[in-house]
Amino acid sequence: MSSASKSSFARGMTLFADCIAATSASLWPWSAASVEARRLAHDGYAPGTPADIYYLVSFDDVAPDAALSALRSAGFLVRDSAAQSGFLTVRARIRLSAFALTIAGTRLDRIAEQFDGFTTLIGAGTMASSEGARVAARAGQSVAAM
């Protein structure tokens, strides 16, 4: 059933269930979303700030036009819409938190499943900061900024 044909009650219940799952993921420190949010914070992304999160979307064949349209209408930016393979990279701009990662991932999964696809999180894009590239120091090694 397409999301356009669902009743507003069904959409509301789906959103409610997504919020419960996202809240649980936020509160449980070892949920995949919490671990990913901590990893991104360790990499220098400030929690709660907007970040570009990239996902890989895979289909058995070339991505259907209806899938591309559904992804775009849900707010995802399709990076390679002319891909001749069954793989796409999509971007979502979200506030960096376990809650937001869960909501975005769930929405993306739901869209991909409608077209027999699946998704996986790639990670965050480059940070837009005034400091430029971050320098990582390791014991006994000198690392130059890129």
Protein backbone atom coordinates (compact mmCIF):
# COMPACT_ATOMS: atom_id res chain seq x y z
CA MET A 1 0.00 0.00 0.00
CA SER A 2 1.45 3.34 -0.96
CA SER A 3 1.80 6.09 1.61
CA ALA A 4 -0.61 8.26 -0.42
CA SER A 5 -3.42 5.74 0.03
CA LYS A 6 -2.95 5.29 3.79
CA SER A 7 -5.40 7.00 6.08
CA SER A 8 -4.20 9.85 8.23
CA PHE A 9 -4.84 7.64 11.28
CA ALA A 10 -2.53 4.93 9.91
CA ARG A 11 0.16 7.52 9.11
CA GLY A 12 -0.21 8.96 12.61
CA MET A 13 0.14 5.52 14.20
CA THR A 14 3.21 4.82 12.07
CA LEU A 15 4.78 8.10 13.16
CA PHE A 16 3.89 7.33 16.78
CA ALA A 17 5.54 3.89 16.53
CA ASP A 18 8.62 5.45 14.90
CA CYS A 19 8.88 7.97 17.75
CA ILE A 20 8.66 5.20 20.36
CA ALA A 21 11.41 3.24 18.58
CA ALA A 22 13.55 6.36 18.21
CA THR A 23 13.09 7.27 21.88
CA SER A 24 14.10 3.74 22.89
CA ALA A 25 17.16 3.94 20.64
CA SER A 26 18.08 7.28 22.20
CA LEU A 27 17.78 5.98 25.75
CA TRP A 28 19.51 2.63 25.24
CA PRO A 29 23.25 3.41 25.11
CA TRP A 30 24.10 0.32 23.03
CA SER A 31 21.49 0.72 20.32
CA ALA A 32 22.95 0.98 16.83
CA ALA A 33 21.78 4.61 16.57
CA SER A 34 23.31 5.59 19.93
CA VAL A 35 26.61 3.94 19.04
CA GLU A 36 26.64 5.67 15.64
CA ALA A 37 25.78 9.07 17.18
CA ARG A 38 28.65 8.66 19.69
CA ARG A 39 31.04 7.60 16.91
CA LEU A 40 30.17 10.68 14.87
CA ALA A 41 30.57 12.90 17.95
CA HIS A 42 33.99 11.30 18.54
CA ASP A 43 34.85 12.11 14.91
CA GLY A 44 34.22 15.80 15.63
CA TYR A 45 30.55 16.31 14.73
CA ALA A 46 28.76 18.28 17.44
CA PRO A 47 25.73 16.43 18.83
CA GLY A 48 22.45 18.21 18.09
CA THR A 49 23.82 20.18 15.15
CA PRO A 50 22.70 19.63 11.55
CA ALA A 51 24.77 17.09 9.64
CA ASP A 52 24.58 15.51 6.21
CA ILE A 53 24.07 11.77 6.71
CA TYR A 54 24.62 9.48 3.73
CA TYR A 55 22.91 6.16 3.10
CA LEU A 56 23.35 3.47 0.45
CA VAL A 57 20.10 2.29 -1.11
CA SER A 58 20.21 -0.96 -3.05
CA PHE A 59 17.72 -2.43 -5.51
CA ASP A 60 17.88 -5.70 -7.47
CA ASP A 61 17.88 -3.79 -10.77
CA VAL A 62 18.12 -0.15 -11.79
CA ALA A 63 16.28 2.02 -9.27
CA PRO A 64 12.66 2.53 -10.36
CA ASP A 65 11.63 6.10 -11.15
CA ALA A 66 8.84 5.77 -8.58
CA ALA A 67 11.44 4.97 -5.91
CA LEU A 68 13.50 8.03 -6.83
CA SER A 69 10.38 10.17 -6.66
CA ALA A 70 9.39 8.71 -3.27
CA LEU A 71 12.88 9.31 -1.88
CA ARG A 72 12.89 12.92 -3.04
CA SER A 73 9.38 13.63 -1.75
CA ALA A 74 10.41 12.27 1.67
CA GLY A 75 13.21 14.84 1.82
CA PHE A 76 16.17 12.69 0.78
CA LEU A 77 18.60 14.04 -1.80
CA VAL A 78 19.47 11.39 -4.39
CA ARG A 79 23.11 11.90 -5.29
CA ASP A 80 23.39 9.62 -8.32
CA SER A 81 19.97 9.44 -9.92
CA ALA A 82 21.36 8.28 -13.28
CA ALA A 83 22.96 5.17 -11.85
CA GLN A 84 22.70 2.18 -14.15
CA SER A 85 23.32 -0.23 -11.31
CA GLY A 86 20.92 -0.95 -8.47
CA PHE A 87 22.83 1.23 -6.02
CA LEU A 88 22.10 4.83 -5.02
CA THR A 89 23.62 7.16 -2.48
CA VAL A 90 21.14 9.41 -0.73
CA ARG A 91 21.65 12.22 1.74
CA ALA A 92 19.50 13.43 4.60
CA ARG A 93 20.19 16.61 6.55
CA ILE A 94 19.35 15.86 10.20
CA ARG A 95 20.28 17.04 13.67
CA LEU A 96 22.91 14.64 14.93
CA SER A 97 21.28 12.44 17.57
CA ALA A 98 20.28 8.82 18.01
CA PHE A 99 16.64 9.87 17.78
CA ALA A 100 17.06 11.62 14.42
CA LEU A 101 19.25 8.83 13.02
CA THR A 102 16.54 6.29 13.89
CA ILE A 103 13.71 8.36 12.39
CA ALA A 104 15.61 9.02 9.14
CA GLY A 105 16.74 5.41 8.83
CA THR A 106 13.26 4.06 9.48
CA ARG A 107 11.69 6.39 6.90
CA LEU A 108 14.30 5.44 4.34
CA ASP A 109 13.88 1.71 5.06
CA ARG A 110 10.12 1.99 4.63
CA ILE A 111 10.51 3.65 1.22
CA ALA A 112 13.12 1.15 -0.01
CA GLU A 113 11.01 -1.82 1.12
CA GLN A 114 8.13 -0.64 -1.07
CA PHE A 115 10.39 -1.22 -4.08
CA ASP A 116 12.09 -4.40 -2.81
CA GLY A 117 15.23 -2.51 -1.81
CA PHE A 118 17.26 -2.16 1.34
CA THR A 119 19.36 0.55 2.93
CA THR A 120 22.47 0.91 5.01
CA LEU A 121 24.04 3.87 6.75
CA ILE A 122 27.31 5.09 5.23
CA GLY A 123 28.07 7.95 7.61
CA ALA A 124 28.25 11.71 7.84
CA GLY A 125 29.57 14.01 5.15
CA THR A 126 32.28 16.57 5.52
CA MET A 127 31.87 19.03 8.35
CA ALA A 128 31.28 22.65 7.53
CA SER A 129 33.48 24.29 10.12
CA SER A 130 35.79 27.25 10.27
CA GLU A 131 38.65 25.15 11.55
CA GLY A 132 39.02 23.16 8.34
CA ALA A 133 40.39 19.66 8.51
CA ARG A 134 40.96 18.25 11.93
CA VAL A 135 44.45 17.08 12.89
CA ALA A 136 44.57 13.74 14.64
CA ALA A 137 47.62 13.13 16.80
CA ARG A 138 48.74 9.58 17.53
CA ALA A 139 51.42 8.45 19.88
CA GLY A 140 54.73 8.43 18.03
CA GLN A 141 53.25 9.63 14.74
CA SER A 142 52.91 13.00 13.09
CA VAL A 143 49.72 13.46 11.11
CA ALA A 144 49.27 16.44 8.79
CA ALA A 145 45.90 18.04 8.16
CA MET A 146 44.41 17.20 4.80
